[in-house]
Amino acid sequence: MVTIRLSRGGAKKKPFYHLVATDSRKRRGSGYIERLGYFNPMATGQEIKLHVNKERVDYWISVGAQTSERVAKLLKEAS
């Protein structure tokens, strides 16, 4: 099953997450099918905290992809 979830990047104590569509059996940081946006929880000032390619997310959801709990909250926030 395809899942839309967060893939962690960034440095120690400075997380940066990519929203990715991936096979649910793969690990969090391993390969993905498509990158759909990013989430920067440490954003300050003019930095963008959340960027989502809504068109592609809607496509993946329409073909049966499930979102993780955290991604569902972020998508709600982005709307």
PDB file of N, CA and C in Angstrom:
ATOM      1  N   MET A   1       0.843  -1.178   0.000  1.00  0.00           N
ATOM      2  CA  MET A   1       0.000   0.000   0.000  1.00  0.00           C
ATOM      3  C   MET A   1       0.889   1.243   0.000  1.00  0.00           C
ATOM      4  N   VAL A   2       0.463   2.258  -0.691  1.00  0.00           N
ATOM      5  CA  VAL A   2       1.196   3.529  -0.734  1.00  0.00           C
ATOM      6  C   VAL A   2       0.765   4.391   0.441  1.00  0.00           C
ATOM      7  N   THR A   3       1.752   4.985   1.107  1.00  0.00           N
ATOM      8  CA  THR A   3       1.500   5.843   2.256  1.00  0.00           C
ATOM      9  C   THR A   3       2.139   7.201   2.009  1.00  0.00           C
ATOM     10  N   ILE A   4       1.457   8.251   2.435  1.00  0.00           N
ATOM     11  CA  ILE A   4       2.039   9.592   2.407  1.00  0.00           C
ATOM     12  C   ILE A   4       2.482   9.878   3.823  1.00  0.00           C
ATOM     13  N   ARG A   5       3.789  10.046   3.997  1.00  0.00           N
ATOM     14  CA  ARG A   5       4.333  10.258   5.334  1.00  0.00           C
ATOM     15  C   ARG A   5       5.548  11.161   5.281  1.00  0.00           C
ATOM     16  N   LEU A   6       6.121  11.433   6.462  1.00  0.00           N
ATOM     17  CA  LEU A   6       7.280  12.295   6.570  1.00  0.00           C
ATOM     18  C   LEU A   6       8.564  11.479   6.524  1.00  0.00           C
ATOM     19  N   SER A   7       9.565  12.011   5.847  1.00  0.00           N
ATOM     20  CA  SER A   7      10.892  11.407   5.800  1.00  0.00           C
ATOM     21  C   SER A   7      11.851  12.422   6.406  1.00  0.00           C
ATOM     22  N   ARG A   8      12.540  12.039   7.479  1.00  0.00           N
ATOM     23  CA  ARG A   8      13.368  12.995   8.213  1.00  0.00           C
ATOM     24  C   ARG A   8      14.701  13.233   7.536  1.00  0.00           C
ATOM     25  N   GLY A   9      15.098  14.485   7.560  1.00  0.00           N
ATOM     26  CA  GLY A   9      16.410  14.896   7.073  1.00  0.00           C
ATOM     27  C   GLY A   9      16.930  15.949   8.034  1.00  0.00           C
ATOM     28  N   GLY A  10      17.914  16.696   7.628  1.00  0.00           N
ATOM     29  CA  GLY A  10      18.443  17.752   8.475  1.00  0.00           C
ATOM     30  C   GLY A  10      19.544  17.247   9.387  1.00  0.00           C
ATOM     31  N   ALA A  11      19.972  18.112  10.270  1.00  0.00           N
ATOM     32  CA  ALA A  11      21.075  17.804  11.174  1.00  0.00           C
ATOM     33  C   ALA A  11      20.559  17.417  12.550  1.00  0.00           C
ATOM     34  N   LYS A  12      21.472  17.018  13.396  1.00  0.00           N
ATOM     35  CA  LYS A  12      21.121  16.677  14.769  1.00  0.00           C
ATOM     36  C   LYS A  12      20.508  17.898  15.460  1.00  0.00           C
ATOM     37  N   LYS A  13      19.377  17.695  16.098  1.00  0.00           N
ATOM     38  CA  LYS A  13      18.633  18.740  16.810  1.00  0.00           C
ATOM     39  C   LYS A  13      18.076  19.837  15.893  1.00  0.00           C
ATOM     40  N   LYS A  14      18.153  19.643  14.575  1.00  0.00           N
ATOM     41  CA  LYS A  14      17.564  20.573  13.610  1.00  0.00           C
ATOM     42  C   LYS A  14      16.836  19.771  12.534  1.00  0.00           C
ATOM     43  N   PRO A  15      15.662  19.257  12.873  1.00  0.00           N
ATOM     44  CA  PRO A  15      14.958  18.381  11.928  1.00  0.00           C
ATOM     45  C   PRO A  15      14.396  19.130  10.723  1.00  0.00           C
ATOM     46  N   PHE A  16      14.304  18.411   9.629  1.00  0.00           N
ATOM     47  CA  PHE A  16      13.687  18.892   8.396  1.00  0.00           C
ATOM     48  C   PHE A  16      13.034  17.673   7.770  1.00  0.00           C
ATOM     49  N   TYR A  17      11.786  17.776   7.401  1.00  0.00           N
ATOM     50  CA  TYR A  17      11.043  16.623   6.895  1.00  0.00           C
ATOM     51  C   TYR A  17      10.568  16.854   5.465  1.00  0.00           C
ATOM     52  N   HIS A  18      10.634  15.804   4.654  1.00  0.00           N
ATOM     53  CA  HIS A  18      10.051  15.818   3.322  1.00  0.00           C
ATOM     54  C   HIS A  18       8.757  15.021   3.380  1.00  0.00           C
ATOM     55  N   LEU A  19       7.697  15.525   2.742  1.00  0.00           N
ATOM     56  CA  LEU A  19       6.466  14.756   2.583  1.00  0.00           C
ATOM     57  C   LEU A  19       6.678  13.878   1.369  1.00  0.00           C
ATOM     58  N   VAL A  20       6.555  12.575   1.535  1.00  0.00           N
ATOM     59  CA  VAL A  20       6.816  11.649   0.435  1.00  0.00           C
ATOM     60  C   VAL A  20       5.703  10.623   0.308  1.00  0.00           C
ATOM     61  N   ALA A  21       5.519  10.159  -0.924  1.00  0.00           N
ATOM     62  CA  ALA A  21       4.646   9.016  -1.185  1.00  0.00           C
ATOM     63  C   ALA A  21       5.579   7.824  -1.291  1.00  0.00           C
ATOM     64  N   THR A  22       5.343   6.803  -0.468  1.00  0.00           N
ATOM     65  CA  THR A  22       6.232   5.655  -0.433  1.00  0.00           C
ATOM     66  C   THR A  22       5.463   4.380  -0.149  1.00  0.00           C
ATOM     67  N   ASP A  23       6.100   3.264  -0.400  1.00  0.00           N
ATOM     68  CA  ASP A  23       5.534   1.960  -0.057  1.00  0.00           C
ATOM     69  C   ASP A  23       5.539   1.853   1.467  1.00  0.00           C
ATOM     70  N   SER A  24       4.438   1.433   2.051  1.00  0.00           N
ATOM     71  CA  SER A  24       4.312   1.403   3.516  1.00  0.00           C
ATOM     72  C   SER A  24       5.282   0.426   4.179  1.00  0.00           C
ATOM     73  N   ARG A  25       5.832  -0.517   3.417  1.00  0.00           N
ATOM     74  CA  ARG A  25       6.751  -1.506   3.983  1.00  0.00           C
ATOM     75  C   ARG A  25       8.180  -0.997   4.092  1.00  0.00           C
ATOM     76  N   LYS A  26       8.476   0.135   3.469  1.00  0.00           N
ATOM     77  CA  LYS A  26       9.828   0.678   3.509  1.00  0.00           C
ATOM     78  C   LYS A  26      10.070   1.466   4.790  1.00  0.00           C
ATOM     79  N   ARG A  27      11.341   1.645   5.129  1.00  0.00           N
ATOM     80  CA  ARG A  27      11.714   2.421   6.309  1.00  0.00           C
ATOM     81  C   ARG A  27      11.444   3.902   6.084  1.00  0.00           C
ATOM     82  N   ARG A  28      11.449   4.651   7.181  1.00  0.00           N
ATOM     83  CA  ARG A  28      11.145   6.076   7.126  1.00  0.00           C
ATOM     84  C   ARG A  28      12.087   6.837   6.200  1.00  0.00           C
ATOM     85  N   GLY A  29      13.380   6.558   6.253  1.00  0.00           N
ATOM     86  CA  GLY A  29      14.349   7.329   5.492  1.00  0.00           C
ATOM     87  C   GLY A  29      14.776   6.708   4.182  1.00  0.00           C
ATOM     88  N   SER A  30      14.239   5.549   3.844  1.00  0.00           N
ATOM     89  CA  SER A  30      14.685   4.888   2.611  1.00  0.00           C
ATOM     90  C   SER A  30      13.988   5.483   1.395  1.00  0.00           C
ATOM     91  N   GLY A  31      14.100   4.822   0.257  1.00  0.00           N
ATOM     92  CA  GLY A  31      13.578   5.339  -1.001  1.00  0.00           C
ATOM     93  C   GLY A  31      12.094   5.668  -0.976  1.00  0.00           C
ATOM     94  N   TYR A  32      11.700   6.492  -1.917  1.00  0.00           N
ATOM     95  CA  TYR A  32      10.307   6.918  -2.008  1.00  0.00           C
ATOM     96  C   TYR A  32       9.889   6.953  -3.464  1.00  0.00           C
ATOM     97  N   ILE A  33       8.591   7.054  -3.698  1.00  0.00           N
ATOM     98  CA  ILE A  33       8.062   7.097  -5.059  1.00  0.00           C
ATOM     99  C   ILE A  33       8.111   8.530  -5.583  1.00  0.00           C
ATOM    100  N   GLU A  34       7.617   9.470  -4.755  1.00  0.00           N
ATOM    101  CA  GLU A  34       7.565  10.866  -5.179  1.00  0.00           C
ATOM    102  C   GLU A  34       7.633  11.781  -3.967  1.00  0.00           C
ATOM    103  N   ARG A  35       8.367  12.882  -4.105  1.00  0.00           N
ATOM    104  CA  ARG A  35       8.438  13.890  -3.051  1.00  0.00           C
ATOM    105  C   ARG A  35       7.311  14.900  -3.282  1.00  0.00           C
ATOM    106  N   LEU A  36       6.522  15.150  -2.242  1.00  0.00           N
ATOM    107  CA  LEU A  36       5.316  15.973  -2.393  1.00  0.00           C
ATOM    108  C   LEU A  36       5.397  17.340  -1.714  1.00  0.00           C
ATOM    109  N   GLY A  37       6.441  17.581  -0.964  1.00  0.00           N
ATOM    110  CA  GLY A  37       6.581  18.860  -0.286  1.00  0.00           C
ATOM    111  C   GLY A  37       7.556  18.728   0.864  1.00  0.00           C
ATOM    112  N   TYR A  38       7.550  19.731   1.754  1.00  0.00           N
ATOM    113  CA  TYR A  38       8.423  19.654   2.917  1.00  0.00           C
ATOM    114  C   TYR A  38       7.798  20.356   4.117  1.00  0.00           C
ATOM    115  N   PHE A  39       8.333  20.034   5.291  1.00  0.00           N
ATOM    116  CA  PHE A  39       7.885  20.609   6.558  1.00  0.00           C
ATOM    117  C   PHE A  39       9.127  20.960   7.359  1.00  0.00           C
ATOM    118  N   ASN A  40       9.250  22.224   7.736  1.00  0.00           N
ATOM    119  CA  ASN A  40      10.390  22.698   8.512  1.00  0.00           C
ATOM    120  C   ASN A  40       9.882  23.194   9.867  1.00  0.00           C
ATOM    121  N   PRO A  41       9.907  22.355  10.899  1.00  0.00           N
ATOM    122  CA  PRO A  41       9.376  22.763  12.196  1.00  0.00           C
ATOM    123  C   PRO A  41      10.215  23.829  12.888  1.00  0.00           C
ATOM    124  N   MET A  42      11.443  24.033  12.442  1.00  0.00           N
ATOM    125  CA  MET A  42      12.337  25.011  13.058  1.00  0.00           C
ATOM    126  C   MET A  42      12.325  26.357  12.332  1.00  0.00           C
ATOM    127  N   ALA A  43      11.405  26.563  11.410  1.00  0.00           N
ATOM    128  CA  ALA A  43      11.357  27.790  10.614  1.00  0.00           C
ATOM    129  C   ALA A  43      11.117  29.007  11.494  1.00  0.00           C
ATOM    130  N   THR A  44      11.861  30.069  11.196  1.00  0.00           N
ATOM    131  CA  THR A  44      11.700  31.336  11.910  1.00  0.00           C
ATOM    132  C   THR A  44      11.682  32.471  10.903  1.00  0.00           C
ATOM    133  N   GLY A  45      11.058  33.556  11.269  1.00  0.00           N
ATOM    134  CA  GLY A  45      11.043  34.741  10.406  1.00  0.00           C
ATOM    135  C   GLY A  45      10.377  34.501   9.068  1.00  0.00           C
ATOM    136  N   GLN A  46      11.117  34.786   7.989  1.00  0.00           N
ATOM    137  CA  GLN A  46      10.589  34.697   6.628  1.00  0.00           C
ATOM    138  C   GLN A  46      10.640  33.284   6.045  1.00  0.00           C
ATOM    139  N   GLU A  47      11.232  32.343   6.757  1.00  0.00           N
ATOM    140  CA  GLU A  47      11.344  30.981   6.246  1.00  0.00           C
ATOM    141  C   GLU A  47       9.967  30.336   6.119  1.00  0.00           C
ATOM    142  N   ILE A  48       9.821  29.485   5.119  1.00  0.00           N
ATOM    143  CA  ILE A  48       8.556  28.782   4.889  1.00  0.00           C
ATOM    144  C   ILE A  48       8.524  27.540   5.773  1.00  0.00           C
ATOM    145  N   LYS A  49       7.467  27.407   6.570  1.00  0.00           N
ATOM    146  CA  LYS A  49       7.346  26.277   7.489  1.00  0.00           C
ATOM    147  C   LYS A  49       6.805  25.026   6.797  1.00  0.00           C
ATOM    148  N   LEU A  50       5.862  25.212   5.889  1.00  0.00           N
ATOM    149  CA  LEU A  50       5.213  24.076   5.248  1.00  0.00           C
ATOM    150  C   LEU A  50       4.951  24.385   3.779  1.00  0.00           C
ATOM    151  N   HIS A  51       5.397  23.503   2.908  1.00  0.00           N
ATOM    152  CA  HIS A  51       5.140  23.622   1.474  1.00  0.00           C
ATOM    153  C   HIS A  51       4.595  22.285   0.994  1.00  0.00           C
ATOM    154  N   VAL A  52       3.411  22.299   0.380  1.00  0.00           N
ATOM    155  CA  VAL A  52       2.776  21.065  -0.077  1.00  0.00           C
ATOM    156  C   VAL A  52       2.327  21.240  -1.519  1.00  0.00           C
ATOM    157  N   ASN A  53       2.630  20.251  -2.360  1.00  0.00           N
ATOM    158  CA  ASN A  53       2.118  20.216  -3.724  1.00  0.00           C
ATOM    159  C   ASN A  53       0.737  19.556  -3.650  1.00  0.00           C
ATOM    160  N   LYS A  54      -0.279  20.366  -3.392  1.00  0.00           N
ATOM    161  CA  LYS A  54      -1.641  19.894  -3.134  1.00  0.00           C
ATOM    162  C   LYS A  54      -2.191  19.051  -4.281  1.00  0.00           C
ATOM    163  N   GLU A  55      -1.856  19.434  -5.512  1.00  0.00           N
ATOM    164  CA  GLU A  55      -2.337  18.705  -6.684  1.00  0.00           C
ATOM    165  C   GLU A  55      -1.894  17.240  -6.652  1.00  0.00           C
ATOM    166  N   ARG A  56      -0.615  17.025  -6.377  1.00  0.00           N
ATOM    167  CA  ARG A  56      -0.071  15.663  -6.343  1.00  0.00           C
ATOM    168  C   ARG A  56      -0.566  14.880  -5.133  1.00  0.00           C
ATOM    169  N   VAL A  57      -0.738  15.552  -3.990  1.00  0.00           N
ATOM    170  CA  VAL A  57      -1.274  14.878  -2.800  1.00  0.00           C
ATOM    171  C   VAL A  57      -2.689  14.400  -3.080  1.00  0.00           C
ATOM    172  N   ASP A  58      -3.502  15.250  -3.698  1.00  0.00           N
ATOM    173  CA  ASP A  58      -4.864  14.862  -4.048  1.00  0.00           C
ATOM    174  C   ASP A  58      -4.874  13.674  -5.008  1.00  0.00           C
ATOM    175  N   TYR A  59      -3.933  13.667  -5.954  1.00  0.00           N
ATOM    176  CA  TYR A  59      -3.839  12.543  -6.888  1.00  0.00           C
ATOM    177  C   TYR A  59      -3.558  11.251  -6.134  1.00  0.00           C
ATOM    178  N   TRP A  60      -2.551  11.261  -5.259  1.00  0.00           N
ATOM    179  CA  TRP A  60      -2.192  10.034  -4.533  1.00  0.00           C
ATOM    180  C   TRP A  60      -3.320   9.550  -3.642  1.00  0.00           C
ATOM    181  N   ILE A  61      -4.023  10.469  -3.018  1.00  0.00           N
ATOM    182  CA  ILE A  61      -5.153  10.079  -2.172  1.00  0.00           C
ATOM    183  C   ILE A  61      -6.270   9.480  -3.040  1.00  0.00           C
ATOM    184  N   SER A  62      -6.461  10.041  -4.241  1.00  0.00           N
ATOM    185  CA  SER A  62      -7.516   9.531  -5.131  1.00  0.00           C
ATOM    186  C   SER A  62      -7.231   8.117  -5.627  1.00  0.00           C
ATOM    187  N   VAL A  63      -5.954   7.734  -5.710  1.00  0.00           N
ATOM    188  CA  VAL A  63      -5.632   6.380  -6.167  1.00  0.00           C
ATOM    189  C   VAL A  63      -5.444   5.413  -5.005  1.00  0.00           C
ATOM    190  N   GLY A  64      -5.767   5.851  -3.790  1.00  0.00           N
ATOM    191  CA  GLY A  64      -5.806   4.933  -2.666  1.00  0.00           C
ATOM    192  C   GLY A  64      -4.711   5.063  -1.621  1.00  0.00           C
ATOM    193  N   ALA A  65      -3.871   6.072  -1.729  1.00  0.00           N
ATOM    194  CA  ALA A  65      -2.810   6.244  -0.730  1.00  0.00           C
ATOM    195  C   ALA A  65      -3.402   6.687   0.607  1.00  0.00           C
ATOM    196  N   GLN A  66      -2.811   6.201   1.691  1.00  0.00           N
ATOM    197  CA  GLN A  66      -3.229   6.580   3.031  1.00  0.00           C
ATOM    198  C   GLN A  66      -2.232   7.591   3.585  1.00  0.00           C
ATOM    199  N   THR A  67      -2.705   8.537   4.397  1.00  0.00           N
ATOM    200  CA  THR A  67      -1.806   9.506   5.021  1.00  0.00           C
ATOM    201  C   THR A  67      -1.545   9.089   6.462  1.00  0.00           C
ATOM    202  N   SER A  68      -0.348   9.417   6.939  1.00  0.00           N
ATOM    203  CA  SER A  68      -0.046   9.175   8.347  1.00  0.00           C
ATOM    204  C   SER A  68      -0.811  10.205   9.176  1.00  0.00           C
ATOM    205  N   GLU A  69      -0.886   9.992  10.480  1.00  0.00           N
ATOM    206  CA  GLU A  69      -1.624  10.910  11.348  1.00  0.00           C
ATOM    207  C   GLU A  69      -1.042  12.314  11.290  1.00  0.00           C
ATOM    208  N   ARG A  70       0.278  12.412  11.366  1.00  0.00           N
ATOM    209  CA  ARG A  70       0.939  13.724  11.361  1.00  0.00           C
ATOM    210  C   ARG A  70       0.745  14.438  10.026  1.00  0.00           C
ATOM    211  N   VAL A  71       0.833  13.718   8.939  1.00  0.00           N
ATOM    212  CA  VAL A  71       0.639  14.324   7.620  1.00  0.00           C
ATOM    213  C   VAL A  71      -0.801  14.800   7.461  1.00  0.00           C
ATOM    214  N   ALA A  72      -1.756  14.048   7.981  1.00  0.00           N
ATOM    215  CA  ALA A  72      -3.160  14.467   7.909  1.00  0.00           C
ATOM    216  C   ALA A  72      -3.357  15.801   8.620  1.00  0.00           C
ATOM    217  N   LYS A  73      -2.711  15.963   9.780  1.00  0.00           N
ATOM    218  CA  LYS A  73      -2.790  17.234  10.515  1.00  0.00           C
ATOM    219  C   LYS A  73      -2.139  18.368   9.730  1.00  0.00           C
ATOM    220  N   LEU A  74      -1.002  18.086   9.111  1.00  0.00           N
ATOM    221  CA  LEU A  74      -0.297  19.113   8.327  1.00  0.00           C
ATOM    222  C   LEU A  74      -1.115  19.515   7.112  1.00  0.00           C
ATOM    223  N   LEU A  75      -1.745  18.562   6.443  1.00  0.00           N
ATOM    224  CA  LEU A  75      -2.561  18.872   5.277  1.00  0.00           C
ATOM    225  C   LEU A  75      -3.770  19.723   5.670  1.00  0.00           C
ATOM    226  N   LYS A  76      -4.325  19.438   6.834  1.00  0.00           N
ATOM    227  CA  LYS A  76      -5.446  20.234   7.338  1.00  0.00           C
ATOM    228  C   LYS A  76      -4.984  21.664   7.614  1.00  0.00           C
ATOM    229  N   GLU A  77      -3.785  21.794   8.161  1.00  0.00           N
ATOM    230  CA  GLU A  77      -3.212  23.101   8.460  1.00  0.00           C
ATOM    231  C   GLU A  77      -2.921  23.883   7.169  1.00  0.00           C
ATOM    232  N   ALA A  78      -2.491  23.187   6.115  1.00  0.00           N
ATOM    233  CA  ALA A  78      -2.133  23.826   4.852  1.00  0.00           C
ATOM    234  C   ALA A  78      -3.355  24.341   4.108  1.00  0.00           C
ATOM    235  N   SER A  79      -4.510  23.779   4.345  1.00  0.00           N
ATOM    236  CA  SER A  79      -5.722  24.189   3.628  1.00  0.00           C
ATOM    237  C   SER A  79      -6.233  25.541   4.049  1.00  0.00           C
TER     238      SER A  79
END
